[in-house]
PDB file of N, CA and C in Angstrom:
ATOM      1  N   MET A   1       2.635   5.535  31.193  1.00  0.00           N
ATOM      2  CA  MET A   1       1.505   4.667  31.391  1.00  0.00           C
ATOM      3  C   MET A   1       1.348   3.675  30.242  1.00  0.00           C
ATOM      4  N   PHE A   2       1.942   3.966  29.111  1.00  0.00           N
ATOM      5  CA  PHE A   2       1.827   3.043  27.981  1.00  0.00           C
ATOM      6  C   PHE A   2       2.493   1.707  28.274  1.00  0.00           C
ATOM      7  N   TRP A   3       3.507   1.743  29.127  1.00  0.00           N
ATOM      8  CA  TRP A   3       4.291   0.545  29.379  1.00  0.00           C
ATOM      9  C   TRP A   3       3.783  -0.255  30.572  1.00  0.00           C
ATOM     10  N   ALA A   4       2.828   0.269  31.328  1.00  0.00           N
ATOM     11  CA  ALA A   4       2.315  -0.415  32.515  1.00  0.00           C
ATOM     12  C   ALA A   4       1.170  -1.340  32.114  1.00  0.00           C
ATOM     13  N   THR A   5       1.477  -2.595  31.977  1.00  0.00           N
ATOM     14  CA  THR A   5       0.462  -3.580  31.622  1.00  0.00           C
ATOM     15  C   THR A   5       0.836  -4.923  32.226  1.00  0.00           C
ATOM     16  N   PRO A   6      -0.138  -5.668  32.694  1.00  0.00           N
ATOM     17  CA  PRO A   6       0.196  -6.979  33.251  1.00  0.00           C
ATOM     18  C   PRO A   6       0.533  -8.020  32.178  1.00  0.00           C
ATOM     19  N   HIS A   7       0.080  -7.775  30.937  1.00  0.00           N
ATOM     20  CA  HIS A   7       0.351  -8.733  29.862  1.00  0.00           C
ATOM     21  C   HIS A   7       0.693  -7.952  28.592  1.00  0.00           C
ATOM     22  N   MET A   8       1.959  -7.984  28.203  1.00  0.00           N
ATOM     23  CA  MET A   8       2.420  -7.213  27.042  1.00  0.00           C
ATOM     24  C   MET A   8       2.255  -8.050  25.779  1.00  0.00           C
ATOM     25  N   THR A   9       1.340  -7.619  24.931  1.00  0.00           N
ATOM     26  CA  THR A   9       1.177  -8.282  23.640  1.00  0.00           C
ATOM     27  C   THR A   9       2.039  -7.560  22.606  1.00  0.00           C
ATOM     28  N   VAL A  10       2.194  -8.155  21.453  1.00  0.00           N
ATOM     29  CA  VAL A  10       2.969  -7.520  20.388  1.00  0.00           C
ATOM     30  C   VAL A  10       2.300  -6.213  19.975  1.00  0.00           C
ATOM     31  N   GLY A  11       0.983  -6.222  19.883  1.00  0.00           N
ATOM     32  CA  GLY A  11       0.260  -5.004  19.518  1.00  0.00           C
ATOM     33  C   GLY A  11       0.450  -3.899  20.541  1.00  0.00           C
ATOM     34  N   HIS A  12       0.405  -4.249  21.814  1.00  0.00           N
ATOM     35  CA  HIS A  12       0.614  -3.251  22.866  1.00  0.00           C
ATOM     36  C   HIS A  12       2.060  -2.760  22.864  1.00  0.00           C
ATOM     37  N   LEU A  13       2.994  -3.632  22.587  1.00  0.00           N
ATOM     38  CA  LEU A  13       4.398  -3.239  22.502  1.00  0.00           C
ATOM     39  C   LEU A  13       4.613  -2.230  21.378  1.00  0.00           C
ATOM     40  N   VAL A  14       4.037  -2.486  20.221  1.00  0.00           N
ATOM     41  CA  VAL A  14       4.163  -1.559  19.089  1.00  0.00           C
ATOM     42  C   VAL A  14       3.511  -0.221  19.426  1.00  0.00           C
ATOM     43  N   PHE A  15       2.323  -0.270  20.016  1.00  0.00           N
ATOM     44  CA  PHE A  15       1.629   0.951  20.415  1.00  0.00           C
ATOM     45  C   PHE A  15       2.459   1.744  21.418  1.00  0.00           C
ATOM     46  N   SER A  16       2.982   1.075  22.438  1.00  0.00           N
ATOM     47  CA  SER A  16       3.777   1.751  23.471  1.00  0.00           C
ATOM     48  C   SER A  16       5.029   2.385  22.886  1.00  0.00           C
ATOM     49  N   ALA A  17       5.706   1.660  22.009  1.00  0.00           N
ATOM     50  CA  ALA A  17       6.917   2.205  21.383  1.00  0.00           C
ATOM     51  C   ALA A  17       6.587   3.398  20.497  1.00  0.00           C
ATOM     52  N   ALA A  18       5.501   3.306  19.734  1.00  0.00           N
ATOM     53  CA  ALA A  18       5.115   4.415  18.860  1.00  0.00           C
ATOM     54  C   ALA A  18       4.717   5.644  19.666  1.00  0.00           C
ATOM     55  N   MET A  19       3.977   5.466  20.736  1.00  0.00           N
ATOM     56  CA  MET A  19       3.549   6.610  21.541  1.00  0.00           C
ATOM     57  C   MET A  19       4.729   7.237  22.284  1.00  0.00           C
ATOM     58  N   THR A  20       5.661   6.414  22.733  1.00  0.00           N
ATOM     59  CA  THR A  20       6.862   6.950  23.381  1.00  0.00           C
ATOM     60  C   THR A  20       7.672   7.768  22.373  1.00  0.00           C
ATOM     61  N   GLY A  21       7.831   7.270  21.169  1.00  0.00           N
ATOM     62  CA  GLY A  21       8.528   8.023  20.129  1.00  0.00           C
ATOM     63  C   GLY A  21       7.812   9.319  19.796  1.00  0.00           C
ATOM     64  N   TYR A  22       6.495   9.273  19.729  1.00  0.00           N
ATOM     65  CA  TYR A  22       5.691  10.468  19.453  1.00  0.00           C
ATOM     66  C   TYR A  22       5.912  11.534  20.524  1.00  0.00           C
ATOM     67  N   ILE A  23       5.933  11.121  21.781  1.00  0.00           N
ATOM     68  CA  ILE A  23       6.145  12.064  22.876  1.00  0.00           C
ATOM     69  C   ILE A  23       7.555  12.646  22.824  1.00  0.00           C
ATOM     70  N   LEU A  24       8.553  11.815  22.547  1.00  0.00           N
ATOM     71  CA  LEU A  24       9.930  12.310  22.487  1.00  0.00           C
ATOM     72  C   LEU A  24      10.124  13.300  21.337  1.00  0.00           C
ATOM     73  N   VAL A  25       9.567  12.990  20.176  1.00  0.00           N
ATOM     74  CA  VAL A  25       9.668  13.906  19.030  1.00  0.00           C
ATOM     75  C   VAL A  25       8.893  15.188  19.320  1.00  0.00           C
ATOM     76  N   GLY A  26       7.704  15.060  19.885  1.00  0.00           N
ATOM     77  CA  GLY A  26       6.908  16.239  20.225  1.00  0.00           C
ATOM     78  C   GLY A  26       7.605  17.133  21.231  1.00  0.00           C
ATOM     79  N   THR A  27       8.270  16.535  22.207  1.00  0.00           N
ATOM     80  CA  THR A  27       9.013  17.304  23.201  1.00  0.00           C
ATOM     81  C   THR A  27      10.162  18.068  22.549  1.00  0.00           C
ATOM     82  N   ALA A  28      10.875  17.425  21.667  1.00  0.00           N
ATOM     83  CA  ALA A  28      11.992  18.086  20.978  1.00  0.00           C
ATOM     84  C   ALA A  28      11.492  19.258  20.136  1.00  0.00           C
ATOM     85  N   LEU A  29      10.386  19.071  19.435  1.00  0.00           N
ATOM     86  CA  LEU A  29       9.833  20.158  18.622  1.00  0.00           C
ATOM     87  C   LEU A  29       9.326  21.311  19.489  1.00  0.00           C
ATOM     88  N   GLU A  30       8.688  20.985  20.599  1.00  0.00           N
ATOM     89  CA  GLU A  30       8.196  22.015  21.517  1.00  0.00           C
ATOM     90  C   GLU A  30       9.351  22.805  22.113  1.00  0.00           C
ATOM     91  N   GLU A  31      10.412  22.109  22.511  1.00  0.00           N
ATOM     92  CA  GLU A  31      11.579  22.793  23.067  1.00  0.00           C
ATOM     93  C   GLU A  31      12.199  23.729  22.033  1.00  0.00           C
ATOM     94  N   ARG A  32      12.277  23.286  20.791  1.00  0.00           N
ATOM     95  CA  ARG A  32      12.817  24.134  19.728  1.00  0.00           C
ATOM     96  C   ARG A  32      11.981  25.400  19.571  1.00  0.00           C
ATOM     97  N   ASP A  33      10.671  25.262  19.606  1.00  0.00           N
ATOM     98  CA  ASP A  33       9.793  26.428  19.485  1.00  0.00           C
ATOM     99  C   ASP A  33       9.914  27.356  20.685  1.00  0.00           C
ATOM    100  N   LEU A  34      10.069  26.788  21.873  1.00  0.00           N
ATOM    101  CA  LEU A  34      10.223  27.619  23.068  1.00  0.00           C
ATOM    102  C   LEU A  34      11.529  28.403  23.041  1.00  0.00           C
ATOM    103  N   VAL A  35      12.605  27.765  22.588  1.00  0.00           N
ATOM    104  CA  VAL A  35      13.885  28.480  22.468  1.00  0.00           C
ATOM    105  C   VAL A  35      13.746  29.607  21.445  1.00  0.00           C
ATOM    106  N   ARG A  36      13.065  29.325  20.359  1.00  0.00           N
ATOM    107  CA  ARG A  36      12.885  30.327  19.319  1.00  0.00           C
ATOM    108  C   ARG A  36      12.047  31.509  19.818  1.00  0.00           C
ATOM    109  N   SER A  37      10.996  31.252  20.571  1.00  0.00           N
ATOM    110  CA  SER A  37      10.109  32.335  20.987  1.00  0.00           C
ATOM    111  C   SER A  37      10.554  33.033  22.271  1.00  0.00           C
ATOM    112  N   LEU A  38      11.174  32.310  23.216  1.00  0.00           N
ATOM    113  CA  LEU A  38      11.545  32.913  24.490  1.00  0.00           C
ATOM    114  C   LEU A  38      13.039  33.185  24.634  1.00  0.00           C
ATOM    115  N   GLY A  39      13.846  32.548  23.804  1.00  0.00           N
ATOM    116  CA  GLY A  39      15.284  32.825  23.773  1.00  0.00           C
ATOM    117  C   GLY A  39      16.020  32.473  25.055  1.00  0.00           C
ATOM    118  N   SER A  40      16.822  33.412  25.518  1.00  0.00           N
ATOM    119  CA  SER A  40      17.727  33.159  26.643  1.00  0.00           C
ATOM    120  C   SER A  40      16.982  32.886  27.945  1.00  0.00           C
ATOM    121  N   ARG A  41      15.778  33.413  28.104  1.00  0.00           N
ATOM    122  CA  ARG A  41      15.011  33.135  29.326  1.00  0.00           C
ATOM    123  C   ARG A  41      14.677  31.646  29.414  1.00  0.00           C
ATOM    124  N   TYR A  42      14.280  31.066  28.292  1.00  0.00           N
ATOM    125  CA  TYR A  42      13.968  29.638  28.307  1.00  0.00           C
ATOM    126  C   TYR A  42      15.232  28.797  28.441  1.00  0.00           C
ATOM    127  N   LEU A  43      16.324  29.217  27.837  1.00  0.00           N
ATOM    128  CA  LEU A  43      17.580  28.474  27.979  1.00  0.00           C
ATOM    129  C   LEU A  43      18.032  28.446  29.435  1.00  0.00           C
ATOM    130  N   ALA A  44      17.874  29.562  30.146  1.00  0.00           N
ATOM    131  CA  ALA A  44      18.215  29.600  31.570  1.00  0.00           C
ATOM    132  C   ALA A  44      17.310  28.673  32.371  1.00  0.00           C
ATOM    133  N   TYR A  45      16.024  28.667  32.056  1.00  0.00           N
ATOM    134  CA  TYR A  45      15.079  27.769  32.714  1.00  0.00           C
ATOM    135  C   TYR A  45      15.446  26.311  32.441  1.00  0.00           C
ATOM    136  N   ARG A  46      15.770  25.998  31.205  1.00  0.00           N
ATOM    137  CA  ARG A  46      16.098  24.630  30.820  1.00  0.00           C
ATOM    138  C   ARG A  46      17.364  24.129  31.512  1.00  0.00           C
ATOM    139  N   ARG A  47      18.303  25.034  31.790  1.00  0.00           N
ATOM    140  CA  ARG A  47      19.517  24.642  32.516  1.00  0.00           C
ATOM    141  C   ARG A  47      19.190  24.209  33.942  1.00  0.00           C
ATOM    142  N   ASP A  48      18.181  24.829  34.557  1.00  0.00           N
ATOM    143  CA  ASP A  48      17.870  24.568  35.959  1.00  0.00           C
ATOM    144  C   ASP A  48      16.835  23.470  36.183  1.00  0.00           C
ATOM    145  N   VAL A  49      16.043  23.134  35.164  1.00  0.00           N
ATOM    146  CA  VAL A  49      14.942  22.195  35.351  1.00  0.00           C
ATOM    147  C   VAL A  49      15.150  20.982  34.443  1.00  0.00           C
ATOM    148  N   PRO A  50      15.138  19.766  35.014  1.00  0.00           N
ATOM    149  CA  PRO A  50      15.296  18.575  34.184  1.00  0.00           C
ATOM    150  C   PRO A  50      14.114  18.387  33.248  1.00  0.00           C
ATOM    151  N   ARG A  51      14.347  17.754  32.125  1.00  0.00           N
ATOM    152  CA  ARG A  51      13.317  17.626  31.091  1.00  0.00           C
ATOM    153  C   ARG A  51      12.188  16.682  31.489  1.00  0.00           C
ATOM    154  N   PHE A  52      12.493  15.473  31.919  1.00  0.00           N
ATOM    155  CA  PHE A  52      11.453  14.487  32.181  1.00  0.00           C
ATOM    156  C   PHE A  52      11.333  14.081  33.643  1.00  0.00           C
ATOM    157  N   PHE A  53      12.448  13.859  34.299  1.00  0.00           N
ATOM    158  CA  PHE A  53      12.420  13.332  35.660  1.00  0.00           C
ATOM    159  C   PHE A  53      13.173  14.258  36.599  1.00  0.00           C
ATOM    160  N   PRO A  54      12.626  14.508  37.797  1.00  0.00           N
ATOM    161  CA  PRO A  54      13.351  15.331  38.759  1.00  0.00           C
ATOM    162  C   PRO A  54      14.625  14.625  39.224  1.00  0.00           C
ATOM    163  N   VAL A  55      15.657  15.396  39.434  1.00  0.00           N
ATOM    164  CA  VAL A  55      16.929  14.862  39.907  1.00  0.00           C
ATOM    165  C   VAL A  55      17.171  15.460  41.292  1.00  0.00           C
ATOM    166  N   PRO A  56      17.044  14.662  42.363  1.00  0.00           N
ATOM    167  CA  PRO A  56      17.114  15.205  43.727  1.00  0.00           C
ATOM    168  C   PRO A  56      18.425  15.913  44.049  1.00  0.00           C
ATOM    169  N   TRP A  57      19.541  15.441  43.513  1.00  0.00           N
ATOM    170  CA  TRP A  57      20.828  16.031  43.855  1.00  0.00           C
ATOM    171  C   TRP A  57      21.136  17.274  43.040  1.00  0.00           C
ATOM    172  N   ARG A  58      20.283  17.633  42.110  1.00  0.00           N
ATOM    173  CA  ARG A  58      20.490  18.830  41.290  1.00  0.00           C
ATOM    174  C   ARG A  58      19.451  19.864  41.689  1.00  0.00           C
ATOM    175  N   ARG A  59      19.885  20.904  42.353  1.00  0.00           N
ATOM    176  CA  ARG A  59      18.976  21.932  42.841  1.00  0.00           C
ATOM    177  C   ARG A  59      18.849  23.061  41.830  1.00  0.00           C
ATOM    178  N   ALA A  60      17.661  23.598  41.703  1.00  0.00           N
ATOM    179  CA  ALA A  60      17.415  24.733  40.808  1.00  0.00           C
ATOM    180  C   ALA A  60      18.239  25.925  41.272  1.00  0.00           C
ATOM    181  N   GLY A  61      18.807  26.629  40.348  1.00  0.00           N
ATOM    182  CA  GLY A  61      19.581  27.819  40.650  1.00  0.00           C
ATOM    183  C   GLY A  61      21.052  27.553  40.923  1.00  0.00           C
ATOM    184  N   ARG A  62      21.424  26.287  41.165  1.00  0.00           N
ATOM    185  CA  ARG A  62      22.818  25.955  41.409  1.00  0.00           C
ATOM    186  C   ARG A  62      23.512  25.676  40.092  1.00  0.00           C
ATOM    187  N   ARG A  63      24.686  26.192  39.896  1.00  0.00           N
ATOM    188  CA  ARG A  63      25.408  25.972  38.636  1.00  0.00           C
ATOM    189  C   ARG A  63      26.773  25.399  38.885  1.00  0.00           C
TER     190      ARG A  63
END
């Protein structure tokens, strides 16, 4: 939603880029903590579920 604007100003561009970076870094840190606390169960889940966007041709449970 940060990138959806009818008029992109320099200030909005900087804000959008910073918030996108914040989310990406936060996701990486959260994933690291989940692997540490849940171990192989989370790794199996992560193999079957895409991180950000669903992929229609990739079905859960298929390897």
